[in-house]
């Protein structure tokens, strides 16, 4: 992961990511996402058109050497956070290896978030 000085890059990249997830979610499930304000999140979107409400959130986690990591998760109505995945500043889905290095995964963050939503909404 590259070193970045601020969350500006994450915030600008999150717009296209959430637009893609919203389009996929609407096509697959008929569910809409609406941008909402959440103080602890860089970005937060709430589902519309379901009996249950869920919030898809992006939270930034500071790492050593000035690096940032994003955590994407669905928050349910009970306040339980269901982590989808961690992302780098390019919104690549990453996992931490045993040597503490974050490695890009084959699955996209969008697909992982949709799979997590499907598991929650069963």
PDB file of N, CA and C in Angstrom:
ATOM      1  N   UNK A   1       0.838  -1.176   0.000  1.00  0.00           N
ATOM      2  CA  UNK A   1       0.000   0.000   0.000  1.00  0.00           C
ATOM      3  C   UNK A   1       0.884   1.241   0.000  1.00  0.00           C
ATOM      4  N   UNK A   2       0.468   2.238  -0.738  1.00  0.00           N
ATOM      5  CA  UNK A   2       1.207   3.485  -0.781  1.00  0.00           C
ATOM      6  C   UNK A   2       0.918   4.310   0.468  1.00  0.00           C
ATOM      7  N   UNK A   3       1.871   5.133   0.832  1.00  0.00           N
ATOM      8  CA  UNK A   3       1.665   6.049   1.945  1.00  0.00           C
ATOM      9  C   UNK A   3       0.852   7.238   1.460  1.00  0.00           C
ATOM     10  N   UNK A   4      -0.169   7.611   2.205  1.00  0.00           N
ATOM     11  CA  UNK A   4      -0.957   8.792   1.868  1.00  0.00           C
ATOM     12  C   UNK A   4      -1.060   9.664   3.099  1.00  0.00           C
ATOM     13  N   UNK A   5      -1.190  10.959   2.876  1.00  0.00           N
ATOM     14  CA  UNK A   5      -1.145  11.905   3.983  1.00  0.00           C
ATOM     15  C   UNK A   5      -2.506  12.167   4.600  1.00  0.00           C
ATOM     16  N   UNK A   6      -3.584  11.960   3.844  1.00  0.00           N
ATOM     17  CA  UNK A   6      -4.899  12.294   4.382  1.00  0.00           C
ATOM     18  C   UNK A   6      -5.940  11.320   3.857  1.00  0.00           C
ATOM     19  N   UNK A   7      -7.161  11.524   4.304  1.00  0.00           N
ATOM     20  CA  UNK A   7      -8.261  10.663   3.871  1.00  0.00           C
ATOM     21  C   UNK A   7      -8.916  11.173   2.594  1.00  0.00           C
ATOM     22  N   UNK A   8      -8.392  12.247   2.007  1.00  0.00           N
ATOM     23  CA  UNK A   8      -8.997  12.829   0.805  1.00  0.00           C
ATOM     24  C   UNK A   8      -9.133  11.819  -0.330  1.00  0.00           C
ATOM     25  N   UNK A   9      -8.090  11.022  -0.539  1.00  0.00           N
ATOM     26  CA  UNK A   9      -8.140  10.041  -1.623  1.00  0.00           C
ATOM     27  C   UNK A   9      -9.228   9.008  -1.363  1.00  0.00           C
ATOM     28  N   UNK A  10      -9.334   8.529  -0.133  1.00  0.00           N
ATOM     29  CA  UNK A  10     -10.388   7.574   0.214  1.00  0.00           C
ATOM     30  C   UNK A  10     -11.767   8.181  -0.025  1.00  0.00           C
ATOM     31  N   UNK A  11     -11.934   9.415   0.375  1.00  0.00           N
ATOM     32  CA  UNK A  11     -13.249  10.050   0.241  1.00  0.00           C
ATOM     33  C   UNK A  11     -13.637  10.198  -1.222  1.00  0.00           C
ATOM     34  N   UNK A  12     -12.703  10.582  -2.077  1.00  0.00           N
ATOM     35  CA  UNK A  12     -13.050  10.738  -3.486  1.00  0.00           C
ATOM     36  C   UNK A  12     -13.272   9.381  -4.146  1.00  0.00           C
ATOM     37  N   UNK A  13     -12.465   8.379  -3.799  1.00  0.00           N
ATOM     38  CA  UNK A  13     -12.639   7.045  -4.375  1.00  0.00           C
ATOM     39  C   UNK A  13     -13.906   6.373  -3.873  1.00  0.00           C
ATOM     40  N   UNK A  14     -14.350   6.716  -2.681  1.00  0.00           N
ATOM     41  CA  UNK A  14     -15.544   6.065  -2.127  1.00  0.00           C
ATOM     42  C   UNK A  14     -16.795   6.401  -2.928  1.00  0.00           C
ATOM     43  N   UNK A  15     -16.833   7.559  -3.559  1.00  0.00           N
ATOM     44  CA  UNK A  15     -18.025   7.958  -4.318  1.00  0.00           C
ATOM     45  C   UNK A  15     -18.312   6.985  -5.447  1.00  0.00           C
ATOM     46  N   UNK A  16     -17.305   6.651  -6.243  1.00  0.00           N
ATOM     47  CA  UNK A  16     -17.540   5.714  -7.346  1.00  0.00           C
ATOM     48  C   UNK A  16     -17.781   4.300  -6.824  1.00  0.00           C
ATOM     49  N   UNK A  17     -17.098   3.928  -5.736  1.00  0.00           N
ATOM     50  CA  UNK A  17     -17.322   2.606  -5.152  1.00  0.00           C
ATOM     51  C   UNK A  17     -18.774   2.448  -4.706  1.00  0.00           C
ATOM     52  N   UNK A  18     -19.287   3.413  -3.939  1.00  0.00           N
ATOM     53  CA  UNK A  18     -20.659   3.317  -3.451  1.00  0.00           C
ATOM     54  C   UNK A  18     -21.668   3.410  -4.588  1.00  0.00           C
ATOM     55  N   UNK A  19     -21.371   4.172  -5.625  1.00  0.00           N
ATOM     56  CA  UNK A  19     -22.261   4.226  -6.793  1.00  0.00           C
ATOM     57  C   UNK A  19     -22.331   2.862  -7.468  1.00  0.00           C
ATOM     58  N   UNK A  20     -21.187   2.182  -7.592  1.00  0.00           N
ATOM     59  CA  UNK A  20     -21.163   0.841  -8.184  1.00  0.00           C
ATOM     60  C   UNK A  20     -21.937  -0.154  -7.333  1.00  0.00           C
ATOM     61  N   UNK A  21     -21.717  -0.126  -6.015  1.00  0.00           N
ATOM     62  CA  UNK A  21     -22.436  -1.039  -5.119  1.00  0.00           C
ATOM     63  C   UNK A  21     -23.934  -0.770  -5.178  1.00  0.00           C
ATOM     64  N   UNK A  22     -24.323   0.497  -5.181  1.00  0.00           N
ATOM     65  CA  UNK A  22     -25.747   0.847  -5.240  1.00  0.00           C
ATOM     66  C   UNK A  22     -26.383   0.314  -6.515  1.00  0.00           C
ATOM     67  N   UNK A  23     -25.703   0.453  -7.645  1.00  0.00           N
ATOM     68  CA  UNK A  23     -26.243  -0.045  -8.914  1.00  0.00           C
ATOM     69  C   UNK A  23     -26.366  -1.565  -8.902  1.00  0.00           C
ATOM     70  N   UNK A  24     -25.338  -2.251  -8.412  1.00  0.00           N
ATOM     71  CA  UNK A  24     -25.378  -3.714  -8.343  1.00  0.00           C
ATOM     72  C   UNK A  24     -26.465  -4.199  -7.392  1.00  0.00           C
ATOM     73  N   UNK A  25     -26.583  -3.559  -6.249  1.00  0.00           N
ATOM     74  CA  UNK A  25     -27.579  -3.951  -5.254  1.00  0.00           C
ATOM     75  C   UNK A  25     -28.992  -3.735  -5.783  1.00  0.00           C
ATOM     76  N   UNK A  26     -29.203  -2.648  -6.497  1.00  0.00           N
ATOM     77  CA  UNK A  26     -30.530  -2.388  -7.053  1.00  0.00           C
ATOM     78  C   UNK A  26     -30.865  -3.403  -8.144  1.00  0.00           C
ATOM     79  N   UNK A  27     -29.908  -3.691  -9.019  1.00  0.00           N
ATOM     80  CA  UNK A  27     -30.159  -4.674 -10.087  1.00  0.00           C
ATOM     81  C   UNK A  27     -30.415  -6.065  -9.527  1.00  0.00           C
ATOM     82  N   UNK A  28     -29.635  -6.457  -8.530  1.00  0.00           N
ATOM     83  CA  UNK A  28     -29.724  -7.821  -7.998  1.00  0.00           C
ATOM     84  C   UNK A  28     -30.873  -8.001  -7.018  1.00  0.00           C
ATOM     85  N   UNK A  29     -31.091  -7.027  -6.138  1.00  0.00           N
ATOM     86  CA  UNK A  29     -32.044  -7.182  -5.043  1.00  0.00           C
ATOM     87  C   UNK A  29     -33.208  -6.202  -5.091  1.00  0.00           C
ATOM     88  N   UNK A  30     -33.142  -5.195  -5.952  1.00  0.00           N
ATOM     89  CA  UNK A  30     -34.175  -4.163  -5.978  1.00  0.00           C
ATOM     90  C   UNK A  30     -34.101  -3.233  -4.781  1.00  0.00           C
ATOM     91  N   UNK A  31     -32.937  -3.177  -4.147  1.00  0.00           N
ATOM     92  CA  UNK A  31     -32.739  -2.375  -2.940  1.00  0.00           C
ATOM     93  C   UNK A  31     -31.942  -1.129  -3.306  1.00  0.00           C
ATOM     94  N   UNK A  32     -32.363  -0.004  -2.788  1.00  0.00           N
ATOM     95  CA  UNK A  32     -31.671   1.267  -3.034  1.00  0.00           C
ATOM     96  C   UNK A  32     -30.792   1.624  -1.831  1.00  0.00           C
ATOM     97  N   UNK A  33     -29.741   2.376  -2.119  1.00  0.00           N
ATOM     98  CA  UNK A  33     -28.881   2.917  -1.068  1.00  0.00           C
ATOM     99  C   UNK A  33     -29.008   4.430  -1.077  1.00  0.00           C
ATOM    100  N   UNK A  34     -29.128   5.012   0.111  1.00  0.00           N
ATOM    101  CA  UNK A  34     -29.216   6.466   0.247  1.00  0.00           C
ATOM    102  C   UNK A  34     -28.080   6.948   1.135  1.00  0.00           C
ATOM    103  N   UNK A  35     -27.407   7.999   0.721  1.00  0.00           N
ATOM    104  CA  UNK A  35     -26.312   8.577   1.494  1.00  0.00           C
ATOM    105  C   UNK A  35     -26.863   9.182   2.783  1.00  0.00           C
ATOM    106  N   UNK A  36     -26.288   8.805   3.918  1.00  0.00           N
ATOM    107  CA  UNK A  36     -26.692   9.348   5.212  1.00  0.00           C
ATOM    108  C   UNK A  36     -25.442   9.804   5.959  1.00  0.00           C
ATOM    109  N   UNK A  37     -25.639  10.617   6.959  1.00  0.00           N
ATOM    110  CA  UNK A  37     -24.531  11.128   7.756  1.00  0.00           C
ATOM    111  C   UNK A  37     -24.301  10.219   8.957  1.00  0.00           C
ATOM    112  N   UNK A  38     -23.047   9.873   9.191  1.00  0.00           N
ATOM    113  CA  UNK A  38     -22.669   9.091  10.374  1.00  0.00           C
ATOM    114  C   UNK A  38     -21.321   9.627  10.848  1.00  0.00           C
ATOM    115  N   UNK A  39     -21.250  10.134  12.071  1.00  0.00           N
ATOM    116  CA  UNK A  39     -20.049  10.840  12.525  1.00  0.00           C
ATOM    117  C   UNK A  39     -18.773  10.009  12.516  1.00  0.00           C
ATOM    118  N   UNK A  40     -18.856   8.717  12.728  1.00  0.00           N
ATOM    119  CA  UNK A  40     -17.648   7.907  12.802  1.00  0.00           C
ATOM    120  C   UNK A  40     -17.249   7.315  11.458  1.00  0.00           C
ATOM    121  N   UNK A  41     -18.006   7.586  10.402  1.00  0.00           N
ATOM    122  CA  UNK A  41     -17.754   7.000   9.089  1.00  0.00           C
ATOM    123  C   UNK A  41     -17.331   8.063   8.084  1.00  0.00           C
ATOM    124  N   UNK A  42     -16.440   7.677   7.173  1.00  0.00           N
ATOM    125  CA  UNK A  42     -16.086   8.544   6.056  1.00  0.00           C
ATOM    126  C   UNK A  42     -17.274   8.616   5.104  1.00  0.00           C
ATOM    127  N   UNK A  43     -17.921   7.466   4.920  1.00  0.00           N
ATOM    128  CA  UNK A  43     -19.114   7.396   4.070  1.00  0.00           C
ATOM    129  C   UNK A  43     -20.069   6.382   4.680  1.00  0.00           C
ATOM    130  N   UNK A  44     -21.360   6.642   4.540  1.00  0.00           N
ATOM    131  CA  UNK A  44     -22.372   5.745   5.086  1.00  0.00           C
ATOM    132  C   UNK A  44     -23.608   5.802   4.200  1.00  0.00           C
ATOM    133  N   UNK A  45     -24.110   4.631   3.825  1.00  0.00           N
ATOM    134  CA  UNK A  45     -25.290   4.531   2.974  1.00  0.00           C
ATOM    135  C   UNK A  45     -26.279   3.574   3.618  1.00  0.00           C
ATOM    136  N   UNK A  46     -27.542   3.975   3.647  1.00  0.00           N
ATOM    137  CA  UNK A  46     -28.604   3.183   4.264  1.00  0.00           C
ATOM    138  C   UNK A  46     -29.448   2.526   3.179  1.00  0.00           C
ATOM    139  N   UNK A  47     -29.850   1.277   3.428  1.00  0.00           N
ATOM    140  CA  UNK A  47     -30.730   0.593   2.479  1.00  0.00           C
ATOM    141  C   UNK A  47     -32.126   1.188   2.546  1.00  0.00           C
ATOM    142  N   UNK A  48     -32.792   1.197   1.425  1.00  0.00           N
ATOM    143  CA  UNK A  48     -34.183   1.654   1.320  1.00  0.00           C
ATOM    144  C   UNK A  48     -34.972   0.558   0.617  1.00  0.00           C
ATOM    145  N   UNK A  49     -36.228   0.378   1.015  1.00  0.00           N
ATOM    146  CA  UNK A  49     -37.085  -0.598   0.354  1.00  0.00           C
ATOM    147  C   UNK A  49     -37.056  -1.979   0.975  1.00  0.00           C
ATOM    148  N   UNK A  50     -36.546  -2.087   2.187  1.00  0.00           N
ATOM    149  CA  UNK A  50     -36.522  -3.361   2.911  1.00  0.00           C
ATOM    150  C   UNK A  50     -37.237  -3.190   4.239  1.00  0.00           C
ATOM    151  N   UNK A  51     -37.722  -4.309   4.793  1.00  0.00           N
ATOM    152  CA  UNK A  51     -38.300  -4.246   6.140  1.00  0.00           C
ATOM    153  C   UNK A  51     -37.210  -3.938   7.162  1.00  0.00           C
ATOM    154  N   UNK A  52     -36.050  -4.582   6.997  1.00  0.00           N
ATOM    155  CA  UNK A  52     -34.912  -4.340   7.885  1.00  0.00           C
ATOM    156  C   UNK A  52     -34.040  -3.254   7.269  1.00  0.00           C
ATOM    157  N   UNK A  53     -33.405  -2.462   8.127  1.00  0.00           N
ATOM    158  CA  UNK A  53     -32.490  -1.434   7.649  1.00  0.00           C
ATOM    159  C   UNK A  53     -31.053  -1.879   7.897  1.00  0.00           C
ATOM    160  N   UNK A  54     -30.215  -1.571   6.937  1.00  0.00           N
ATOM    161  CA  UNK A  54     -28.785  -1.821   7.045  1.00  0.00           C
ATOM    162  C   UNK A  54     -28.049  -0.580   6.572  1.00  0.00           C
ATOM    163  N   UNK A  55     -26.850  -0.378   7.113  1.00  0.00           N
ATOM    164  CA  UNK A  55     -26.011   0.741   6.720  1.00  0.00           C
ATOM    165  C   UNK A  55     -24.682   0.190   6.242  1.00  0.00           C
ATOM    166  N   UNK A  56     -24.299   0.541   5.023  1.00  0.00           N
ATOM    167  CA  UNK A  56     -22.990   0.172   4.494  1.00  0.00           C
ATOM    168  C   UNK A  56     -22.043   1.324   4.809  1.00  0.00           C
ATOM    169  N   UNK A  57     -20.998   1.016   5.582  1.00  0.00           N
ATOM    170  CA  UNK A  57     -20.128   2.076   6.100  1.00  0.00           C
ATOM    171  C   UNK A  57     -18.678   1.879   5.670  1.00  0.00           C
ATOM    172  N   UNK A  58     -18.005   2.993   5.498  1.00  0.00           N
ATOM    173  CA  UNK A  58     -16.564   3.009   5.280  1.00  0.00           C
ATOM    174  C   UNK A  58     -15.940   3.750   6.450  1.00  0.00           C
ATOM    175  N   UNK A  59     -15.074   3.053   7.170  1.00  0.00           N
ATOM    176  CA  UNK A  59     -14.347   3.634   8.300  1.00  0.00           C
ATOM    177  C   UNK A  59     -12.862   3.525   7.978  1.00  0.00           C
ATOM    178  N   UNK A  60     -12.111   4.582   8.239  1.00  0.00           N
ATOM    179  CA  UNK A  60     -10.669   4.558   7.991  1.00  0.00           C
ATOM    180  C   UNK A  60      -9.913   4.189   9.251  1.00  0.00           C
ATOM    181  N   UNK A  61      -8.883   3.372   9.055  1.00  0.00           N
ATOM    182  CA  UNK A  61      -8.053   2.895  10.154  1.00  0.00           C
ATOM    183  C   UNK A  61      -6.619   3.342   9.879  1.00  0.00           C
ATOM    184  N   UNK A  62      -6.032   4.133  10.771  1.00  0.00           N
ATOM    185  CA  UNK A  62      -4.641   4.548  10.552  1.00  0.00           C
ATOM    186  C   UNK A  62      -3.684   3.401  10.868  1.00  0.00           C
ATOM    187  N   UNK A  63      -2.724   3.205   9.984  1.00  0.00           N
ATOM    188  CA  UNK A  63      -1.692   2.198  10.188  1.00  0.00           C
ATOM    189  C   UNK A  63      -0.352   2.897  10.400  1.00  0.00           C
ATOM    190  N   UNK A  64       0.674   2.117  10.634  1.00  0.00           N
ATOM    191  CA  UNK A  64       2.014   2.672  10.832  1.00  0.00           C
ATOM    192  C   UNK A  64       2.482   3.401   9.575  1.00  0.00           C
ATOM    193  N   UNK A  65       3.395   4.297   9.737  1.00  0.00           N
ATOM    194  CA  UNK A  65       4.026   5.031   8.636  1.00  0.00           C
ATOM    195  C   UNK A  65       3.056   5.879   7.831  1.00  0.00           C
ATOM    196  N   UNK A  66       1.977   6.335   8.442  1.00  0.00           N
ATOM    197  CA  UNK A  66       1.061   7.236   7.762  1.00  0.00           C
ATOM    198  C   UNK A  66       0.102   6.587   6.792  1.00  0.00           C
ATOM    199  N   UNK A  67       0.066   5.281   6.734  1.00  0.00           N
ATOM    200  CA  UNK A  67      -0.839   4.599   5.812  1.00  0.00           C
ATOM    201  C   UNK A  67      -2.233   4.507   6.409  1.00  0.00           C
ATOM    202  N   UNK A  68      -3.221   4.431   5.522  1.00  0.00           N
ATOM    203  CA  UNK A  68      -4.613   4.263   5.933  1.00  0.00           C
ATOM    204  C   UNK A  68      -5.179   3.011   5.291  1.00  0.00           C
ATOM    205  N   UNK A  69      -6.083   2.387   6.006  1.00  0.00           N
ATOM    206  CA  UNK A  69      -6.784   1.213   5.522  1.00  0.00           C
ATOM    207  C   UNK A  69      -8.266   1.482   5.707  1.00  0.00           C
ATOM    208  N   UNK A  70      -9.076   1.086   4.759  1.00  0.00           N
ATOM    209  CA  UNK A  70     -10.517   1.256   4.892  1.00  0.00           C
ATOM    210  C   UNK A  70     -11.175  -0.042   5.328  1.00  0.00           C
ATOM    211  N   UNK A  71     -12.173   0.062   6.188  1.00  0.00           N
ATOM    212  CA  UNK A  71     -12.966  -1.108   6.576  1.00  0.00           C
ATOM    213  C   UNK A  71     -14.387  -0.882   6.077  1.00  0.00           C
ATOM    214  N   UNK A  72     -14.877  -1.797   5.250  1.00  0.00           N
ATOM    215  CA  UNK A  72     -16.250  -1.751   4.756  1.00  0.00           C
ATOM    216  C   UNK A  72     -17.071  -2.744   5.551  1.00  0.00           C
ATOM    217  N   UNK A  73     -18.213  -2.287   6.049  1.00  0.00           N
ATOM    218  CA  UNK A  73     -19.045  -3.174   6.859  1.00  0.00           C
ATOM    219  C   UNK A  73     -20.506  -2.781   6.751  1.00  0.00           C
ATOM    220  N   UNK A  74     -21.367  -3.760   7.008  1.00  0.00           N
ATOM    221  CA  UNK A  74     -22.802  -3.530   7.121  1.00  0.00           C
ATOM    222  C   UNK A  74     -23.133  -3.442   8.599  1.00  0.00           C
ATOM    223  N   UNK A  75     -23.810  -2.385   8.998  1.00  0.00           N
ATOM    224  CA  UNK A  75     -24.291  -2.227  10.363  1.00  0.00           C
ATOM    225  C   UNK A  75     -25.763  -2.592  10.364  1.00  0.00           C
ATOM    226  N   UNK A  76     -26.170  -3.489  11.278  1.00  0.00           N
ATOM    227  CA  UNK A  76     -27.587  -3.860  11.318  1.00  0.00           C
ATOM    228  C   UNK A  76     -28.334  -3.018  12.345  1.00  0.00           C
ATOM    229  N   UNK A  77     -29.628  -3.213  12.425  1.00  0.00           N
ATOM    230  CA  UNK A  77     -30.501  -2.396  13.278  1.00  0.00           C
ATOM    231  C   UNK A  77     -30.165  -2.556  14.765  1.00  0.00           C
ATOM    232  N   UNK A  78     -29.534  -3.684  15.139  1.00  0.00           N
ATOM    233  CA  UNK A  78     -29.153  -3.915  16.536  1.00  0.00           C
ATOM    234  C   UNK A  78     -27.805  -3.296  16.883  1.00  0.00           C
ATOM    235  N   UNK A  79     -27.145  -2.706  15.876  1.00  0.00           N
ATOM    236  CA  UNK A  79     -25.838  -2.096  16.113  1.00  0.00           C
ATOM    237  C   UNK A  79     -24.674  -3.045  15.942  1.00  0.00           C
ATOM    238  N   UNK A  80     -24.934  -4.228  15.388  1.00  0.00           N
ATOM    239  CA  UNK A  80     -23.865  -5.196  15.149  1.00  0.00           C
ATOM    240  C   UNK A  80     -23.209  -4.869  13.808  1.00  0.00           C
ATOM    241  N   UNK A  81     -21.897  -4.774  13.824  1.00  0.00           N
ATOM    242  CA  UNK A  81     -21.117  -4.442  12.639  1.00  0.00           C
ATOM    243  C   UNK A  81     -20.649  -5.734  11.981  1.00  0.00           C
ATOM    244  N   UNK A  82     -21.033  -5.952  10.729  1.00  0.00           N
ATOM    245  CA  UNK A  82     -20.657  -7.150   9.977  1.00  0.00           C
ATOM    246  C   UNK A  82     -19.620  -6.729   8.938  1.00  0.00           C
ATOM    247  N   UNK A  83     -18.347  -7.029   9.206  1.00  0.00           N
ATOM    248  CA  UNK A  83     -17.259  -6.579   8.337  1.00  0.00           C
ATOM    249  C   UNK A  83     -17.313  -7.337   7.014  1.00  0.00           C
ATOM    250  N   UNK A  84     -17.303  -6.570   5.929  1.00  0.00           N
ATOM    251  CA  UNK A  84     -17.240  -7.152   4.580  1.00  0.00           C
ATOM    252  C   UNK A  84     -15.789  -7.450   4.228  1.00  0.00           C
ATOM    253  N   UNK A  85     -14.980  -6.394   4.275  1.00  0.00           N
ATOM    254  CA  UNK A  85     -13.576  -6.531   3.907  1.00  0.00           C
ATOM    255  C   UNK A  85     -12.824  -5.259   4.270  1.00  0.00           C
ATOM    256  N   UNK A  86     -11.527  -5.343   4.088  1.00  0.00           N
ATOM    257  CA  UNK A  86     -10.656  -4.184   4.234  1.00  0.00           C
ATOM    258  C   UNK A  86     -10.194  -3.787   2.837  1.00  0.00           C
ATOM    259  N   UNK A  87     -10.017  -2.485   2.613  1.00  0.00           N
ATOM    260  CA  UNK A  87      -9.617  -2.002   1.288  1.00  0.00           C
ATOM    261  C   UNK A  87      -8.447  -1.033   1.402  1.00  0.00           C
ATOM    262  N   UNK A  88      -7.640  -1.013   0.337  1.00  0.00           N
ATOM    263  CA  UNK A  88      -6.589  -0.005   0.259  1.00  0.00           C
ATOM    264  C   UNK A  88      -7.161   1.246  -0.399  1.00  0.00           C
ATOM    265  N   UNK A  89      -6.307   2.233  -0.667  1.00  0.00           N
ATOM    266  CA  UNK A  89      -6.792   3.507  -1.195  1.00  0.00           C
ATOM    267  C   UNK A  89      -7.343   3.398  -2.614  1.00  0.00           C
ATOM    268  N   UNK A  90      -7.057   2.307  -3.315  1.00  0.00           N
ATOM    269  CA  UNK A  90      -7.632   2.075  -4.650  1.00  0.00           C
ATOM    270  C   UNK A  90      -8.906   1.230  -4.577  1.00  0.00           C
ATOM    271  N   UNK A  91      -9.348   0.944  -3.363  1.00  0.00           N
ATOM    272  CA  UNK A  91     -10.509   0.112  -3.084  1.00  0.00           C
ATOM    273  C   UNK A  91     -10.330  -1.323  -3.567  1.00  0.00           C
ATOM    274  N   UNK A  92      -9.072  -1.793  -3.551  1.00  0.00           N
ATOM    275  CA  UNK A  92      -8.795  -3.209  -3.744  1.00  0.00           C
ATOM    276  C   UNK A  92      -9.077  -3.897  -2.424  1.00  0.00           C
ATOM    277  N   UNK A  93      -9.719  -5.043  -2.476  1.00  0.00           N
ATOM    278  CA  UNK A  93      -9.968  -5.841  -1.282  1.00  0.00           C
ATOM    279  C   UNK A  93      -8.625  -6.438  -0.844  1.00  0.00           C
ATOM    280  N   UNK A  94      -8.256  -6.259   0.420  1.00  0.00           N
ATOM    281  CA  UNK A  94      -6.965  -6.743   0.917  1.00  0.00           C
ATOM    282  C   UNK A  94      -7.160  -7.547   2.205  1.00  0.00           C
ATOM    283  N   UNK A  95      -6.243  -8.484   2.433  1.00  0.00           N
ATOM    284  CA  UNK A  95      -6.213  -9.225   3.697  1.00  0.00           C
ATOM    285  C   UNK A  95      -4.792  -9.179   4.244  1.00  0.00           C
ATOM    286  N   UNK A  96      -4.703  -9.305   5.548  1.00  0.00           N
ATOM    287  CA  UNK A  96      -3.392  -9.253   6.193  1.00  0.00           C
ATOM    288  C   UNK A  96      -2.810 -10.658   6.255  1.00  0.00           C
ATOM    289  N   UNK A  97      -1.601 -10.788   5.770  1.00  0.00           N
ATOM    290  CA  UNK A  97      -0.879 -12.053   5.811  1.00  0.00           C
ATOM    291  C   UNK A  97      -0.201 -12.204   7.172  1.00  0.00           C
ATOM    292  N   UNK A  98       0.345 -13.378   7.435  1.00  0.00           N
ATOM    293  CA  UNK A  98       0.965 -13.648   8.737  1.00  0.00           C
ATOM    294  C   UNK A  98       2.165 -12.741   9.016  1.00  0.00           C
ATOM    295  N   UNK A  99       2.792 -12.203   7.965  1.00  0.00           N
ATOM    296  CA  UNK A  99       3.936 -11.298   8.154  1.00  0.00           C
ATOM    297  C   UNK A  99       3.505  -9.835   8.253  1.00  0.00           C
ATOM    298  N   UNK A 100       2.204  -9.602   8.496  1.00  0.00           N
ATOM    299  CA  UNK A 100       1.618  -8.264   8.654  1.00  0.00           C
ATOM    300  C   UNK A 100       1.635  -7.415   7.382  1.00  0.00           C
ATOM    301  N   UNK A 101       1.762  -8.054   6.227  1.00  0.00           N
ATOM    302  CA  UNK A 101       1.690  -7.351   4.949  1.00  0.00           C
ATOM    303  C   UNK A 101       0.269  -7.492   4.413  1.00  0.00           C
ATOM    304  N   UNK A 102      -0.299  -6.373   3.918  1.00  0.00           N
ATOM    305  CA  UNK A 102      -1.640  -6.384   3.343  1.00  0.00           C
ATOM    306  C   UNK A 102      -1.532  -6.722   1.864  1.00  0.00           C
ATOM    307  N   UNK A 103      -2.239  -7.795   1.437  1.00  0.00           N
ATOM    308  CA  UNK A 103      -2.136  -8.319   0.079  1.00  0.00           C
ATOM    309  C   UNK A 103      -3.485  -8.209  -0.624  1.00  0.00           C
ATOM    310  N   UNK A 104      -3.443  -7.756  -1.885  1.00  0.00           N
ATOM    311  CA  UNK A 104      -4.650  -7.621  -2.697  1.00  0.00           C
ATOM    312  C   UNK A 104      -5.262  -8.996  -2.959  1.00  0.00           C
ATOM    313  N   UNK A 105      -6.587  -9.064  -2.878  1.00  0.00           N
ATOM    314  CA  UNK A 105      -7.323 -10.299  -3.112  1.00  0.00           C
ATOM    315  C   UNK A 105      -7.941 -10.297  -4.511  1.00  0.00           C
ATOM    316  N   UNK A 106      -8.320 -11.483  -4.987  1.00  0.00           N
ATOM    317  CA  UNK A 106      -8.893 -11.610  -6.329  1.00  0.00           C
ATOM    318  C   UNK A 106     -10.301 -11.027  -6.404  1.00  0.00           C
ATOM    319  N   UNK A 107     -11.093 -11.198  -5.349  1.00  0.00           N
ATOM    320  CA  UNK A 107     -12.475 -10.698  -5.367  1.00  0.00           C
ATOM    321  C   UNK A 107     -12.502  -9.188  -5.199  1.00  0.00           C
ATOM    322  N   UNK A 108     -13.451  -8.565  -5.877  1.00  0.00           N
ATOM    323  CA  UNK A 108     -13.601  -7.117  -5.727  1.00  0.00           C
ATOM    324  C   UNK A 108     -14.331  -6.813  -4.425  1.00  0.00           C
ATOM    325  N   UNK A 109     -14.093  -5.629  -3.901  1.00  0.00           N
ATOM    326  CA  UNK A 109     -14.774  -5.196  -2.678  1.00  0.00           C
ATOM    327  C   UNK A 109     -16.280  -5.124  -2.900  1.00  0.00           C
ATOM    328  N   UNK A 110     -16.705  -4.726  -4.105  1.00  0.00           N
ATOM    329  CA  UNK A 110     -18.136  -4.664  -4.412  1.00  0.00           C
ATOM    330  C   UNK A 110     -18.790  -6.037  -4.263  1.00  0.00           C
ATOM    331  N   UNK A 111     -18.152  -7.059  -4.839  1.00  0.00           N
ATOM    332  CA  UNK A 111     -18.714  -8.417  -4.760  1.00  0.00           C
ATOM    333  C   UNK A 111     -18.741  -8.933  -3.325  1.00  0.00           C
ATOM    334  N   UNK A 112     -17.694  -8.644  -2.578  1.00  0.00           N
ATOM    335  CA  UNK A 112     -17.640  -9.092  -1.184  1.00  0.00           C
ATOM    336  C   UNK A 112     -18.748  -8.418  -0.372  1.00  0.00           C
ATOM    337  N   UNK A 113     -18.982  -7.124  -0.603  1.00  0.00           N
ATOM    338  CA  UNK A 113     -20.049  -6.412   0.115  1.00  0.00           C
ATOM    339  C   UNK A 113     -21.425  -6.952  -0.260  1.00  0.00           C
ATOM    340  N   UNK A 114     -21.627  -7.288  -1.529  1.00  0.00           N
ATOM    341  CA  UNK A 114     -22.911  -7.863  -1.946  1.00  0.00           C
ATOM    342  C   UNK A 114     -23.123  -9.244  -1.340  1.00  0.00           C
ATOM    343  N   UNK A 115     -22.067 -10.056  -1.286  1.00  0.00           N
ATOM    344  CA  UNK A 115     -22.180 -11.373  -0.652  1.00  0.00           C
ATOM    345  C   UNK A 115     -22.510 -11.229   0.830  1.00  0.00           C
ATOM    346  N   UNK A 116     -21.876 -10.286   1.496  1.00  0.00           N
ATOM    347  CA  UNK A 116     -22.168 -10.045   2.912  1.00  0.00           C
ATOM    348  C   UNK A 116     -23.608  -9.599   3.104  1.00  0.00           C
ATOM    349  N   UNK A 117     -24.093  -8.737   2.216  1.00  0.00           N
ATOM    350  CA  UNK A 117     -25.483  -8.291   2.287  1.00  0.00           C
ATOM    351  C   UNK A 117     -26.437  -9.470   2.093  1.00  0.00           C
ATOM    352  N   UNK A 118     -26.156 -10.324   1.114  1.00  0.00           N
ATOM    353  CA  UNK A 118     -27.001 -11.500   0.882  1.00  0.00           C
ATOM    354  C   UNK A 118     -27.070 -12.376   2.126  1.00  0.00           C
ATOM    355  N   UNK A 119     -25.938 -12.569   2.802  1.00  0.00           N
ATOM    356  CA  UNK A 119     -25.914 -13.378   4.024  1.00  0.00           C
ATOM    357  C   UNK A 119     -26.745 -12.744   5.135  1.00  0.00           C
ATOM    358  N   UNK A 120     -26.698 -11.422   5.246  1.00  0.00           N
ATOM    359  CA  UNK A 120     -27.477 -10.722   6.276  1.00  0.00           C
ATOM    360  C   UNK A 120     -28.969 -10.737   5.980  1.00  0.00           C
ATOM    361  N   UNK A 121     -29.316 -10.639   4.734  1.00  0.00           N
ATOM    362  CA  UNK A 121     -30.700 -10.432   4.323  1.00  0.00           C
ATOM    363  C   UNK A 121     -31.434 -11.736   4.019  1.00  0.00           C
ATOM    364  N   UNK A 122     -30.865 -12.879   4.391  1.00  0.00           N
ATOM    365  CA  UNK A 122     -31.528 -14.172   4.147  1.00  0.00           C
ATOM    366  C   UNK A 122     -32.702 -14.376   5.064  1.00  0.00           C
TER     367      UNK A 122
END
